[in-house]
N, C-alpha and C. Protein backbone atom coordinates (compact mmCIF):
# COMPACT_ATOMS: atom_id res chain seq x y z
N MET A 1 -30.42 -182.88 32.72
CA MET A 1 -29.35 -181.72 32.37
C MET A 1 -28.08 -182.24 32.99
N LYS A 2 -27.06 -181.73 32.42
CA LYS A 2 -25.62 -182.09 32.72
C LYS A 2 -25.34 -181.23 33.95
N LEU A 3 -24.59 -182.01 35.16
CA LEU A 3 -24.10 -181.47 36.32
C LEU A 3 -22.83 -180.30 35.87
N SER A 4 -22.85 -179.40 36.82
CA SER A 4 -22.02 -178.16 36.51
C SER A 4 -20.86 -178.69 37.31
N HIS A 5 -19.40 -178.24 37.27
CA HIS A 5 -18.56 -178.28 37.96
C HIS A 5 -18.36 -177.98 39.60
N PRO A 6 -18.57 -179.01 40.14
CA PRO A 6 -19.34 -179.23 41.46
C PRO A 6 -18.03 -177.79 42.48
N ILE A 7 -18.92 -176.89 43.22
CA ILE A 7 -18.11 -175.85 44.10
C ILE A 7 -17.30 -176.57 45.01
N PRO A 8 -15.78 -176.41 45.47
CA PRO A 8 -14.54 -176.72 46.22
C PRO A 8 -14.94 -176.14 47.55
N LEU A 9 -16.21 -176.18 47.96
CA LEU A 9 -16.79 -175.35 49.54
C LEU A 9 -16.76 -176.76 49.91
N PRO A 10 -16.76 -176.59 51.84
CA PRO A 10 -16.72 -177.74 52.82
C PRO A 10 -18.44 -177.35 52.67
N PHE A 11 -19.53 -178.46 53.16
CA PHE A 11 -20.71 -178.55 53.38
C PHE A 11 -20.91 -177.74 54.82
N THR A 12 -20.34 -176.21 55.16
CA THR A 12 -20.69 -175.58 56.34
C THR A 12 -21.80 -174.45 56.14
N PRO A 13 -22.78 -174.09 57.06
CA PRO A 13 -23.13 -172.61 57.00
C PRO A 13 -22.61 -171.82 56.41
N ASP A 14 -21.17 -171.31 57.12
CA ASP A 14 -20.48 -170.35 56.84
C ASP A 14 -20.23 -170.80 55.05
N SER A 15 -19.79 -171.55 54.48
CA SER A 15 -20.38 -171.61 53.02
C SER A 15 -21.29 -171.08 52.35
N PHE A 16 -22.42 -171.81 52.90
CA PHE A 16 -23.31 -171.31 52.48
C PHE A 16 -24.20 -169.73 52.42
N VAL A 17 -23.47 -169.39 53.48
CA VAL A 17 -23.71 -167.77 53.41
C VAL A 17 -22.66 -167.27 52.71
N ARG A 18 -21.63 -167.36 52.62
CA ARG A 18 -20.76 -166.94 51.30
C ARG A 18 -21.45 -167.22 50.17
N LEU A 19 -22.16 -168.50 49.68
CA LEU A 19 -22.86 -169.07 48.48
C LEU A 19 -23.88 -167.86 48.30
N LEU A 20 -24.58 -167.28 49.61
CA LEU A 20 -25.56 -166.61 49.23
C LEU A 20 -25.51 -165.25 48.51
N GLN A 21 -24.08 -164.78 49.49
CA GLN A 21 -23.44 -163.77 48.96
C GLN A 21 -23.30 -163.64 47.56
N TYR A 22 -22.46 -164.44 47.03
CA TYR A 22 -22.01 -164.76 45.41
C TYR A 22 -23.64 -164.48 45.11
N GLY A 23 -24.35 -165.41 45.07
CA GLY A 23 -25.20 -165.72 44.30
C GLY A 23 -26.45 -164.01 44.46
N ALA A 24 -25.95 -163.04 45.39
CA ALA A 24 -26.72 -162.05 45.57
C ALA A 24 -26.08 -160.84 44.72
N HIS A 25 -25.04 -161.24 44.12
CA HIS A 25 -23.90 -160.31 43.06
C HIS A 25 -23.21 -160.98 42.52
N PRO A 26 -23.91 -161.84 41.42
CA PRO A 26 -23.50 -162.82 40.86
C PRO A 26 -22.92 -162.40 39.55
N CYS A 27 -22.34 -160.84 39.49
CA CYS A 27 -20.91 -160.88 38.70
C CYS A 27 -19.91 -160.56 39.28
N GLU A 28 -19.90 -160.76 40.53
CA GLU A 28 -18.51 -160.25 41.43
C GLU A 28 -18.61 -162.38 41.56
N SER A 29 -19.58 -163.12 41.46
CA SER A 29 -19.13 -164.55 41.86
C SER A 29 -18.25 -165.47 40.92
N PRO A 30 -17.59 -166.34 41.44
CA PRO A 30 -16.44 -167.37 40.45
C PRO A 30 -17.63 -169.00 40.15
N TYR A 31 -19.19 -168.70 40.53
CA TYR A 31 -20.09 -169.64 40.41
C TYR A 31 -21.02 -169.13 40.33
N SER A 32 -21.60 -169.84 39.05
CA SER A 32 -23.50 -169.41 38.38
C SER A 32 -24.03 -170.23 39.46
N HIS A 33 -25.30 -169.53 39.55
CA HIS A 33 -26.80 -170.15 40.01
C HIS A 33 -26.83 -171.20 40.34
N LYS A 34 -26.18 -171.81 39.14
CA LYS A 34 -26.85 -173.08 39.05
C LYS A 34 -26.22 -174.28 39.62
N GLN A 35 -24.70 -173.61 39.40
CA GLN A 35 -23.46 -174.53 40.75
C GLN A 35 -24.05 -174.23 42.36
N ILE A 36 -24.25 -172.80 42.36
CA ILE A 36 -24.89 -172.98 44.12
C ILE A 36 -26.62 -173.71 44.21
N ALA A 37 -27.30 -173.78 43.09
CA ALA A 37 -28.15 -174.93 43.53
C ALA A 37 -27.86 -176.50 43.64
N GLU A 38 -26.87 -176.68 42.83
CA GLU A 38 -26.36 -177.97 43.21
C GLU A 38 -25.74 -178.06 43.96
N TRP A 39 -24.65 -177.24 44.63
CA TRP A 39 -23.95 -177.18 46.41
C TRP A 39 -25.02 -177.08 47.33
N CYS A 40 -26.37 -176.23 46.87
CA CYS A 40 -27.28 -177.01 48.17
C CYS A 40 -27.86 -177.86 47.95
N ASP A 41 -28.67 -178.60 46.88
CA ASP A 41 -28.92 -179.66 47.06
C ASP A 41 -28.17 -180.76 47.76
N THR A 42 -26.36 -181.44 47.35
CA THR A 42 -26.22 -182.08 47.79
C THR A 42 -26.05 -181.94 48.73
N PHE A 43 -25.70 -180.64 49.53
CA PHE A 43 -25.77 -180.42 50.91
C PHE A 43 -26.55 -181.55 51.62
N TRP A 44 -27.73 -180.44 51.56
CA TRP A 44 -29.18 -181.00 51.38
C TRP A 44 -29.12 -182.55 51.52
N CYS A 45 -29.08 -183.21 50.54
CA CYS A 45 -29.03 -184.61 50.76
C CYS A 45 -28.19 -185.26 51.60
N GLN A 46 -27.01 -184.93 52.13
CA GLN A 46 -26.30 -185.40 53.51
C GLN A 46 -26.80 -185.74 54.70
N TYR A 47 -28.09 -184.89 54.58
CA TYR A 47 -29.03 -184.78 56.46
C TYR A 47 -30.43 -185.73 55.41
N LEU A 48 -30.51 -186.10 54.09
CA LEU A 48 -32.03 -187.16 54.17
C LEU A 48 -32.39 -188.02 55.39
N GLU A 49 -30.87 -188.61 55.88
CA GLU A 49 -31.43 -190.05 57.02
C GLU A 49 -31.01 -189.68 57.85
N VAL A 50 -29.97 -188.62 58.05
CA VAL A 50 -29.33 -188.64 59.32
C VAL A 50 -30.23 -187.29 60.23
N ASP A 51 -29.52 -187.42 61.42
CA ASP A 51 -29.75 -185.93 62.33
C ASP A 51 -28.40 -184.87 62.11
N GLY A 52 -28.89 -183.87 61.39
CA GLY A 52 -27.24 -183.07 61.99
C GLY A 52 -27.65 -182.14 63.10
N PRO A 53 -26.34 -181.50 63.27
CA PRO A 53 -26.06 -180.70 64.87
C PRO A 53 -26.99 -179.47 63.90
N PRO A 54 -27.37 -179.02 65.30
CA PRO A 54 -28.53 -178.04 65.44
C PRO A 54 -28.30 -176.67 64.28
N GLU A 55 -26.64 -176.48 63.94
CA GLU A 55 -26.63 -175.41 62.68
C GLU A 55 -26.80 -175.77 61.87
N ILE A 56 -26.98 -176.86 61.31
CA ILE A 56 -27.24 -177.62 60.11
C ILE A 56 -28.83 -177.93 59.95
N ASP A 57 -29.30 -178.70 60.87
CA ASP A 57 -30.73 -178.57 60.80
C ASP A 57 -31.48 -177.35 60.45
N VAL A 58 -31.16 -176.00 61.16
CA VAL A 58 -31.82 -174.86 61.01
C VAL A 58 -31.75 -173.95 59.44
N ILE A 59 -30.84 -174.44 58.57
CA ILE A 59 -30.16 -174.05 57.03
C ILE A 59 -31.33 -174.91 56.35
N LEU A 60 -31.43 -176.34 56.76
CA LEU A 60 -31.90 -177.49 55.49
C LEU A 60 -32.82 -176.69 55.30
N PRO A 61 -34.05 -176.13 55.49
CA PRO A 61 -34.58 -175.44 54.79
C PRO A 61 -34.84 -174.72 53.84
N ILE A 62 -34.07 -173.33 54.18
CA ILE A 62 -33.30 -172.59 52.84
C ILE A 62 -32.61 -173.72 52.20
N LEU A 63 -31.85 -174.09 52.15
CA LEU A 63 -30.66 -174.91 51.37
C LEU A 63 -32.21 -175.85 50.16
N THR A 64 -33.29 -176.05 50.64
CA THR A 64 -34.15 -176.98 50.06
C THR A 64 -34.88 -175.73 49.02
N ASP A 65 -35.10 -174.65 49.13
CA ASP A 65 -35.67 -173.63 48.87
C ASP A 65 -34.92 -173.58 47.62
N VAL A 66 -33.73 -172.92 47.94
CA VAL A 66 -32.45 -172.80 46.94
C VAL A 66 -32.90 -173.76 45.52
N GLU A 67 -32.66 -175.06 46.20
CA GLU A 67 -32.33 -175.74 44.71
C GLU A 67 -33.89 -176.10 43.71
N THR A 68 -35.05 -175.86 45.15
CA THR A 68 -36.63 -176.24 44.58
C THR A 68 -37.01 -174.97 43.42
N GLN A 69 -36.35 -173.62 44.28
CA GLN A 69 -36.74 -172.56 43.19
C GLN A 69 -36.10 -172.71 41.99
N TRP A 70 -34.85 -172.76 41.46
CA TRP A 70 -34.14 -173.40 40.58
C TRP A 70 -34.49 -173.72 39.90
N ASP A 71 -35.22 -175.26 40.12
CA ASP A 71 -35.79 -176.16 39.48
C ASP A 71 -37.13 -175.09 38.59
N LEU A 72 -37.93 -174.74 39.84
CA LEU A 72 -39.13 -173.89 39.49
C LEU A 72 -38.66 -172.72 38.52
N TYR A 73 -37.83 -172.07 38.61
CA TYR A 73 -37.50 -170.99 37.95
C TYR A 73 -37.06 -171.27 36.13
N LEU A 74 -36.60 -172.33 36.17
CA LEU A 74 -36.20 -173.03 34.67
C LEU A 74 -37.29 -173.59 34.44
N ALA A 75 -37.99 -174.64 35.03
CA ALA A 75 -39.15 -175.30 34.39
C ALA A 75 -40.52 -174.06 34.11
N ASN A 76 -40.68 -172.55 34.91
CA ASN A 76 -41.69 -171.52 34.82
C ASN A 76 -40.99 -170.76 33.09
N THR A 77 -40.03 -171.14 32.99
CA THR A 77 -38.98 -169.86 32.22
C THR A 77 -39.01 -170.64 30.79
N PHE A 78 -38.96 -171.85 30.80
CA PHE A 78 -38.14 -172.42 29.45
C PHE A 78 -38.78 -173.49 29.01
N THR A 79 -38.54 -173.86 27.95
CA THR A 79 -39.18 -174.81 26.91
C THR A 79 -38.61 -176.07 27.22
N LEU A 80 -39.60 -177.27 27.37
CA LEU A 80 -39.25 -178.36 27.12
C LEU A 80 -37.95 -178.71 26.37
N GLU A 81 -38.04 -178.18 25.59
CA GLU A 81 -36.61 -178.95 24.79
C GLU A 81 -35.40 -177.49 25.01
N GLU A 82 -35.91 -176.51 25.83
CA GLU A 82 -35.07 -175.92 26.12
C GLU A 82 -34.15 -176.42 27.26
N LEU A 83 -34.97 -177.02 27.84
CA LEU A 83 -34.44 -177.69 29.18
C LEU A 83 -33.39 -179.02 28.60
N ARG A 84 -33.95 -179.60 27.78
CA ARG A 84 -33.37 -180.78 27.34
C ARG A 84 -31.78 -180.50 26.87
N SER A 85 -31.58 -179.29 26.67
CA SER A 85 -30.97 -179.24 25.24
C SER A 85 -29.28 -177.84 25.95
N LYS A 86 -30.06 -176.89 27.03
CA LYS A 86 -29.23 -176.29 27.14
C LYS A 86 -28.39 -175.86 28.44
N SER A 87 -27.37 -175.43 28.84
CA SER A 87 -26.52 -175.61 29.60
C SER A 87 -27.13 -175.02 31.22
N PHE A 88 -27.79 -174.07 31.07
CA PHE A 88 -28.12 -173.38 32.10
C PHE A 88 -27.21 -172.10 33.01
N GLU A 89 -25.74 -172.48 32.71
CA GLU A 89 -24.10 -171.58 33.39
C GLU A 89 -24.67 -170.43 33.34
N ASN A 90 -25.25 -169.73 32.66
CA ASN A 90 -25.49 -168.35 32.62
C ASN A 90 -26.53 -167.83 32.63
N GLU A 91 -27.60 -168.75 33.42
CA GLU A 91 -28.95 -168.13 33.75
C GLU A 91 -29.10 -167.77 35.35
N LEU A 92 -29.53 -166.61 35.34
CA LEU A 92 -29.95 -166.35 37.13
C LEU A 92 -31.16 -166.30 37.03
N MET A 93 -31.32 -166.46 38.71
CA MET A 93 -32.30 -166.11 39.38
C MET A 93 -32.43 -164.76 39.56
N PRO A 94 -33.37 -164.23 40.69
CA PRO A 94 -33.31 -162.49 40.34
C PRO A 94 -32.31 -162.98 41.70
N VAL A 95 -31.79 -161.88 41.84
CA VAL A 95 -30.83 -161.64 43.40
C VAL A 95 -31.99 -161.69 44.23
N GLU A 96 -32.76 -160.89 44.34
CA GLU A 96 -33.77 -160.65 45.49
C GLU A 96 -34.11 -161.53 46.04
N TRP A 97 -34.38 -163.11 45.44
CA TRP A 97 -34.13 -164.12 46.00
C TRP A 97 -33.12 -164.86 47.20
N PHE A 98 -31.84 -164.09 46.34
CA PHE A 98 -30.80 -164.54 47.17
C PHE A 98 -30.53 -163.91 48.64
N ASN A 99 -31.01 -162.25 48.06
CA ASN A 99 -30.95 -161.28 49.64
C ASN A 99 -32.01 -162.04 50.79
N ASP A 100 -32.80 -162.59 49.94
CA ASP A 100 -33.67 -163.26 50.78
C ASP A 100 -33.55 -164.34 52.07
N TRP A 101 -32.89 -165.17 50.73
CA TRP A 101 -32.41 -166.67 51.82
C TRP A 101 -30.97 -165.73 52.64
N LEU A 102 -30.49 -164.94 52.02
CA LEU A 102 -29.43 -164.62 52.68
C LEU A 102 -29.80 -163.99 54.36
N SER A 103 -30.67 -162.70 54.42
CA SER A 103 -31.12 -162.79 55.66
C SER A 103 -31.55 -163.74 56.17
N GLN A 104 -32.32 -164.52 55.88
CA GLN A 104 -33.01 -165.43 56.59
C GLN A 104 -31.73 -166.22 57.06
N ALA A 105 -30.39 -166.81 56.36
CA ALA A 105 -29.79 -167.58 57.20
C ALA A 105 -28.91 -166.82 58.18
N LEU A 106 -28.55 -165.34 57.92
CA LEU A 106 -27.88 -164.40 58.37
C LEU A 106 -28.57 -164.71 60.51
N LYS A 107 -29.65 -164.44 60.12
CA LYS A 107 -31.27 -164.49 61.11
C LYS A 107 -30.98 -165.82 61.98
N LEU A 108 -30.53 -166.47 61.51
CA LEU A 108 -30.32 -167.87 62.06
C LEU A 108 -28.83 -168.26 62.86
N ARG A 109 -28.41 -167.39 61.95
CA ARG A 109 -26.98 -167.35 62.32
C ARG A 109 -26.56 -166.95 63.72
N VAL A 110 -27.65 -165.71 64.22
CA VAL A 110 -27.45 -165.28 65.05
C VAL A 110 -28.31 -165.50 66.22
N GLN A 111 -29.33 -166.57 65.82
CA GLN A 111 -30.17 -166.74 67.02
C GLN A 111 -29.66 -167.72 67.24
N ASN A 112 -28.71 -168.50 66.67
CA ASN A 112 -27.65 -170.01 66.95
C ASN A 112 -26.49 -169.70 67.90
N VAL A 113 -26.23 -168.35 67.92
CA VAL A 113 -24.84 -168.22 68.51
C VAL A 113 -25.16 -168.54 70.40
N GLY A 114 -24.52 -169.49 70.95
CA GLY A 114 -24.57 -169.44 72.24
C GLY A 114 -24.06 -168.46 73.10
N PRO A 115 -24.35 -168.13 74.47
CA PRO A 115 -23.80 -167.48 75.29
C PRO A 115 -21.86 -167.87 75.28
N ASP A 116 -21.18 -168.86 74.64
CA ASP A 116 -20.33 -169.39 74.51
C ASP A 116 -19.21 -168.64 73.68
N ALA A 117 -20.27 -168.38 72.20
CA ALA A 117 -19.25 -167.77 71.54
C ALA A 117 -19.01 -166.39 71.27
């Protein structure tokens, strides 16, 4: 499957939250669910071999889940031939999933705010 045009946002927790908000409101989003999943995968891959700062480490499981659920959604929805031939730029995962990931990410952000914040 061909990769999408990459999302030009920095790999930060704030960008992640913004993308989850876009995923929860796809009609208002400048990015496809496919682009969001690819961005999450690229972000996660930057921390495969290195320890990240705590604010990154806590969101890595959610980043992984977004990309994994995208792959599973496609594999369970489309035939092998469709997976080989379609672009999936207009395909949408359930927005409830994005709402759940957003809730998790926001909860983690609140938990990681220190006394100096």
